[in-house]
C-alpha atoms as a PDB file:
ATOM      1  CA  MET A   1     100.328  62.661  75.818  1.00  0.00           C
ATOM      2  CA  SER A   2      97.888  65.158  74.329  1.00  0.00           C
ATOM      3  CA  ARG A   3      99.104  68.438  72.974  1.00  0.00           C
ATOM      4  CA  LYS A   4      96.946  71.429  73.649  1.00  0.00           C
ATOM      5  CA  LYS A   5      97.267  74.625  71.710  1.00  0.00           C
ATOM      6  CA  VAL A   6      98.021  77.590  73.885  1.00  0.00           C
ATOM      7  CA  ALA A   7      96.999  81.040  72.802  1.00  0.00           C
ATOM      8  CA  ILE A   8      99.916  83.437  73.072  1.00  0.00           C
ATOM      9  CA  ARG A   9      99.512  87.130  72.922  1.00  0.00           C
ATOM     10  CA  GLU A  10     102.121  89.853  73.011  1.00  0.00           C
ATOM     11  CA  GLY A  11     102.251  91.803  76.251  1.00  0.00           C
ATOM     12  CA  SER A  12     101.670  95.525  76.507  1.00  0.00           C
ATOM     13  CA  GLY A  13     104.961  96.144  78.315  1.00  0.00           C
ATOM     14  CA  ASN A  14     103.100  96.552  81.610  1.00  0.00           C
ATOM     15  CA  ILE A  15     102.336  93.240  83.311  1.00  0.00           C
ATOM     16  CA  PHE A  16      99.905  94.971  85.675  1.00  0.00           C
ATOM     17  CA  GLN A  17      97.848  96.159  82.695  1.00  0.00           C
ATOM     18  CA  ASP A  18      97.998  92.720  81.097  1.00  0.00           C
ATOM     19  CA  LEU A  19      96.680  91.163  84.323  1.00  0.00           C
ATOM     20  CA  GLY A  20      93.867  93.698  84.620  1.00  0.00           C
ATOM     21  CA  PHE A  21      95.038  95.594  87.704  1.00  0.00           C
ATOM     22  CA  PRO A  22      93.339  98.913  88.410  1.00  0.00           C
ATOM     23  CA  ASN A  23      95.837 101.784  87.917  1.00  0.00           C
ATOM     24  CA  PRO A  24      98.470  99.650  86.160  1.00  0.00           C
ATOM     25  CA  ALA A  25     100.823 102.601  85.524  1.00  0.00           C
ATOM     26  CA  ARG A  26     100.939 103.340  89.257  1.00  0.00           C
ATOM     27  CA  GLU A  27     101.547  99.680  90.084  1.00  0.00           C
ATOM     28  CA  GLN A  28     104.394  99.464  87.580  1.00  0.00           C
ATOM     29  CA  LEU A  29     105.936 102.652  88.980  1.00  0.00           C
ATOM     30  CA  LYS A  30     105.701 101.273  92.524  1.00  0.00           C
ATOM     31  CA  ALA A  31     107.325  98.024  91.390  1.00  0.00           C
ATOM     32  CA  ARG A  32     110.233  99.877  89.776  1.00  0.00           C
ATOM     33  CA  LEU A  33     110.742 102.113  92.827  1.00  0.00           C
ATOM     34  CA  THR A  34     110.641  99.061  95.093  1.00  0.00           C
ATOM     35  CA  LEU A  35     113.211  97.304  92.917  1.00  0.00           C
ATOM     36  CA  GLN A  36     115.524 100.302  93.192  1.00  0.00           C
ATOM     37  CA  ILE A  37     115.159 100.300  97.005  1.00  0.00           C
ATOM     38  CA  TYR A  38     115.980  96.574  97.007  1.00  0.00           C
ATOM     39  CA  ARG A  39     119.077  97.100  94.861  1.00  0.00           C
ATOM     40  CA  ILE A  40     120.403  99.890  97.093  1.00  0.00           C
ATOM     41  CA  ILE A  41     119.905  97.910 100.302  1.00  0.00           C
ATOM     42  CA  LYS A  42     121.549  94.824  98.762  1.00  0.00           C
ATOM     43  CA  SER A  43     124.472  96.785  97.300  1.00  0.00           C
ATOM     44  CA  ARG A  44     125.183  98.401 100.672  1.00  0.00           C
ATOM     45  CA  ARG A  45     124.966  95.023 102.405  1.00  0.00           C
ATOM     46  CA  ILE A  46     122.933  96.424 105.273  1.00  0.00           C
ATOM     47  CA  THR A  47     120.597  94.333 107.381  1.00  0.00           C
ATOM     48  CA  GLN A  48     116.856  94.704 107.145  1.00  0.00           C
ATOM     49  CA  ALA A  49     116.833  96.046 110.706  1.00  0.00           C
ATOM     50  CA  ALA A  50     119.395  98.725 109.778  1.00  0.00           C
ATOM     51  CA  ALA A  51     117.449  99.534 106.609  1.00  0.00           C
ATOM     52  CA  GLY A  52     114.325  99.895 108.726  1.00  0.00           C
ATOM     53  CA  GLU A  53     116.052 102.468 110.895  1.00  0.00           C
ATOM     54  CA  ILE A  54     117.159 104.427 107.840  1.00  0.00           C
ATOM     55  CA  LEU A  55     113.684 104.274 106.271  1.00  0.00           C
ATOM     56  CA  GLY A  56     111.794 104.836 109.514  1.00  0.00           C
ATOM     57  CA  ILE A  57     109.846 101.566 109.275  1.00  0.00           C
ATOM     58  CA  LYS A  58     109.934  98.248 111.113  1.00  0.00           C
ATOM     59  CA  GLN A  59     111.984  95.308 109.862  1.00  0.00           C
ATOM     60  CA  PRO A  60     108.953  93.240 108.752  1.00  0.00           C
ATOM     61  CA  HIS A  61     107.990  96.080 106.389  1.00  0.00           C
ATOM     62  CA  VAL A  62     111.528  96.122 104.991  1.00  0.00           C
ATOM     63  CA  SER A  63     111.243  92.360 104.526  1.00  0.00           C
ATOM     64  CA  ALA A  64     108.042  92.864 102.515  1.00  0.00           C
ATOM     65  CA  LEU A  65     109.758  95.482 100.345  1.00  0.00           C
ATOM     66  CA  MET A  66     112.683  93.130  99.772  1.00  0.00           C
ATOM     67  CA  ARG A  67     110.183  90.549  98.505  1.00  0.00           C
ATOM     68  CA  GLY A  68     108.727  93.086  96.076  1.00  0.00           C
ATOM     69  CA  GLN A  69     105.598  93.774  98.092  1.00  0.00           C
ATOM     70  CA  SER A  70     105.031  97.511  97.818  1.00  0.00           C
ATOM     71  CA  GLY A  71     101.256  97.383  98.161  1.00  0.00           C
ATOM     72  CA  ASN A  72     101.109  99.082 101.561  1.00  0.00           C
ATOM     73  CA  PHE A  73     103.250 102.039 100.498  1.00  0.00           C
ATOM     74  CA  SER A  74     102.282 104.940  98.236  1.00  0.00           C
ATOM     75  CA  VAL A  75     104.474 106.139  95.384  1.00  0.00           C
ATOM     76  CA  GLU A  76     105.278 109.211  97.492  1.00  0.00           C
ATOM     77  CA  ARG A  77     106.378 107.072 100.446  1.00  0.00           C
ATOM     78  CA  LEU A  78     108.588 104.919  98.216  1.00  0.00           C
ATOM     79  CA  MET A  79     110.206 108.106  96.886  1.00  0.00           C
ATOM     80  CA  ASP A  80     110.751 109.213 100.505  1.00  0.00           C
ATOM     81  CA  PHE A  81     112.520 105.895 101.145  1.00  0.00           C
ATOM     82  CA  LEU A  82     114.824 106.545  98.192  1.00  0.00           C
ATOM     83  CA  ASN A  83     115.577 110.023  99.574  1.00  0.00           C
ATOM     84  CA  ALA A  84     116.405 108.459 102.958  1.00  0.00           C
ATOM     85  CA  LEU A  85     118.797 106.124 101.128  1.00  0.00           C
ATOM     86  CA  GLY A  86     120.603 109.148  99.679  1.00  0.00           C
ATOM     87  CA  GLN A  87     118.959 109.175  96.264  1.00  0.00           C
ATOM     88  CA  ASN A  88     117.549 112.127  94.347  1.00  0.00           C
ATOM     89  CA  VAL A  89     114.129 111.526  92.817  1.00  0.00           C
ATOM     90  CA  GLU A  90     113.096 113.719  89.890  1.00  0.00           C
ATOM     91  CA  ILE A  91     109.639 114.004  88.362  1.00  0.00           C
ATOM     92  CA  THR A  92     109.518 115.442  84.850  1.00  0.00           C
ATOM     93  CA  VAL A  93     106.315 116.512  83.131  1.00  0.00           C
ATOM     94  CA  THR A  94     106.317 116.912  79.342  1.00  0.00           C
ATOM     95  CA  PRO A  95     103.510 117.304  76.797  1.00  0.00           C
ATOM     96  CA  ALA A  96     102.067 114.007  75.538  1.00  0.00           C
ATOM     97  CA  ARG A  97     101.793 113.257  71.836  1.00  0.00           C
ATOM     98  CA  ARG A  98      98.498 111.457  72.405  1.00  0.00           C
ATOM     99  CA  GLU A  99      95.318 112.334  74.237  1.00  0.00           C
ATOM    100  CA  HIS A 100      96.453 110.378  77.305  1.00  0.00           C
ATOM    101  CA  GLY A 101      99.994 110.561  78.607  1.00  0.00           C
ATOM    102  CA  ARG A 102     102.136 107.853  80.191  1.00  0.00           C
ATOM    103  CA  VAL A 103     104.160 107.473  83.345  1.00  0.00           C
ATOM    104  CA  SER A 104     107.790 106.413  83.125  1.00  0.00           C
ATOM    105  CA  LEU A 105     110.737 106.111  85.466  1.00  0.00           C
ATOM    106  CA  VAL A 106     114.357 106.655  84.427  1.00  0.00           C
ATOM    107  CA  LEU A 107     116.952 105.100  86.726  1.00  0.00           C
ATOM    108  CA  ARG A 108     120.554 106.288  86.606  1.00  0.00           C
END
């Protein structure tokens, strides 16, 4: 068996950036919002069909969300889904210490 050396590099903290996605901050935000939607639906033990009625989308779209596929939905739409699930969504803008700011999401 031959042993190959594998180059390992520390991640940036954003997998979407590490993989070269365009708009990695947006993709990470969408992933975190989608995860929160998943957690709420699971914790309430509601069916995907019932979740679809609450969110105003068809069951196959709920199924995609439950599999972490948020690609078809905007950040705004995902926030609307959280509102429909009885969650408050707050956006806070503060001055950045660097030239370019960052996007973060705090879940409570």
